Amino acid sequence: MQSCELVTFVTAVACTMSQCYSEDELAVIAAVFTQLGDTLTTILAQEQLCSDDKASNKSTAPLT
């Protein structure tokens, strides 16, 4: 899927959801998706940090 197709799809989903749920329900759904995105970002950042640490420990380890 191309980036413009993805943006169009997400917009269509949001517009459809806005017609199916109350404002209170949409607020909770939006908060859940925000938390989901933030949590995935945290997981990826932590994994990248650990990966970088392992790589730099290997490159600085003394030769035996």
C-alpha atoms as a PDB file:
ATOM      1  CA  MET A   1       0.000   0.000   0.000  1.00  0.00           C
ATOM      2  CA  GLN A   2       1.372   3.401  -0.949  1.00  0.00           C
ATOM      3  CA  SER A   3       1.560   6.161   1.667  1.00  0.00           C
ATOM      4  CA  CYS A   4      -1.261   8.213   0.091  1.00  0.00           C
ATOM      5  CA  GLU A   5      -3.458   5.118  -0.034  1.00  0.00           C
ATOM      6  CA  LEU A   6      -2.755   4.467   3.635  1.00  0.00           C
ATOM      7  CA  VAL A   7      -3.624   8.042   4.618  1.00  0.00           C
ATOM      8  CA  THR A   8      -6.831   7.883   2.575  1.00  0.00           C
ATOM      9  CA  PHE A   9      -7.779   4.563   4.181  1.00  0.00           C
ATOM     10  CA  VAL A  10      -7.177   5.846   7.719  1.00  0.00           C
ATOM     11  CA  THR A  11      -9.183   8.998   6.980  1.00  0.00           C
ATOM     12  CA  ALA A  12     -12.085   6.943   5.620  1.00  0.00           C
ATOM     13  CA  VAL A  13     -12.045   4.722   8.705  1.00  0.00           C
ATOM     14  CA  ALA A  14     -12.028   7.772  10.996  1.00  0.00           C
ATOM     15  CA  CYS A  15     -14.927   9.384   9.125  1.00  0.00           C
ATOM     16  CA  THR A  16     -16.926   6.160   9.239  1.00  0.00           C
ATOM     17  CA  MET A  17     -16.239   5.658  12.943  1.00  0.00           C
ATOM     18  CA  SER A  18     -17.256   9.246  13.686  1.00  0.00           C
ATOM     19  CA  GLN A  19     -20.694   8.462  12.267  1.00  0.00           C
ATOM     20  CA  CYS A  20     -21.091   5.215  14.227  1.00  0.00           C
ATOM     21  CA  TYR A  21     -19.975   6.186  17.743  1.00  0.00           C
ATOM     22  CA  SER A  22     -20.851   8.912  20.231  1.00  0.00           C
ATOM     23  CA  GLU A  23     -18.354  11.649  21.080  1.00  0.00           C
ATOM     24  CA  ASP A  24     -17.652   9.990  24.435  1.00  0.00           C
ATOM     25  CA  GLU A  25     -17.006   6.629  22.778  1.00  0.00           C
ATOM     26  CA  LEU A  26     -14.777   8.258  20.143  1.00  0.00           C
ATOM     27  CA  ALA A  27     -12.760   9.968  22.877  1.00  0.00           C
ATOM     28  CA  VAL A  28     -12.033   6.586  24.482  1.00  0.00           C
ATOM     29  CA  ILE A  29     -11.250   4.941  21.139  1.00  0.00           C
ATOM     30  CA  ALA A  30      -8.896   7.792  20.221  1.00  0.00           C
ATOM     31  CA  ALA A  31      -7.149   7.527  23.597  1.00  0.00           C
ATOM     32  CA  VAL A  32      -6.726   3.765  23.136  1.00  0.00           C
ATOM     33  CA  PHE A  33      -5.177   4.181  19.688  1.00  0.00           C
ATOM     34  CA  THR A  34      -2.915   6.956  20.978  1.00  0.00           C
ATOM     35  CA  GLN A  35      -1.723   4.724  23.806  1.00  0.00           C
ATOM     36  CA  LEU A  36      -1.258   1.825  21.379  1.00  0.00           C
ATOM     37  CA  GLY A  37       0.905   3.977  19.104  1.00  0.00           C
ATOM     38  CA  ASP A  38       2.926   5.364  21.994  1.00  0.00           C
ATOM     39  CA  THR A  39       3.467   1.898  23.462  1.00  0.00           C
ATOM     40  CA  LEU A  40       4.619   0.482  20.132  1.00  0.00           C
ATOM     41  CA  THR A  41       7.007   3.425  19.749  1.00  0.00           C
ATOM     42  CA  THR A  42       8.398   2.778  23.236  1.00  0.00           C
ATOM     43  CA  ILE A  43       8.900  -0.921  22.495  1.00  0.00           C
ATOM     44  CA  LEU A  44      10.676  -0.189  19.209  1.00  0.00           C
ATOM     45  CA  ALA A  45      12.892   2.482  20.792  1.00  0.00           C
ATOM     46  CA  GLN A  46      13.872   0.139  23.644  1.00  0.00           C
ATOM     47  CA  GLU A  47      14.662  -2.686  21.230  1.00  0.00           C
ATOM     48  CA  GLN A  48      16.756  -0.334  19.097  1.00  0.00           C
ATOM     49  CA  LEU A  49      18.625   0.898  22.172  1.00  0.00           C
ATOM     50  CA  CYS A  50      19.378  -2.652  23.295  1.00  0.00           C
ATOM     51  CA  SER A  51      20.461  -3.574  19.772  1.00  0.00           C
ATOM     52  CA  ASP A  52      22.750  -0.525  19.597  1.00  0.00           C
ATOM     53  CA  ASP A  53      24.215  -1.357  23.026  1.00  0.00           C
ATOM     54  CA  LYS A  54      24.986  -4.921  21.954  1.00  0.00           C
ATOM     55  CA  ALA A  55      26.593  -3.738  18.728  1.00  0.00           C
ATOM     56  CA  SER A  56      28.751  -1.146  20.468  1.00  0.00           C
ATOM     57  CA  ASN A  57      29.786  -3.620  23.183  1.00  0.00           C
ATOM     58  CA  LYS A  58      30.944  -6.048  20.500  1.00  0.00           C
ATOM     59  CA  SER A  59      32.915  -3.376  18.671  1.00  0.00           C
ATOM     60  CA  THR A  60      34.658  -2.152  21.830  1.00  0.00           C
ATOM     61  CA  ALA A  61      35.359  -5.559  23.347  1.00  0.00           C
ATOM     62  CA  PRO A  62      39.072  -6.343  23.639  1.00  0.00           C
ATOM     63  CA  LEU A  63      40.457  -8.894  21.256  1.00  0.00           C
ATOM     64  CA  THR A  64      41.498 -12.180  22.858  1.00  0.00           C
END
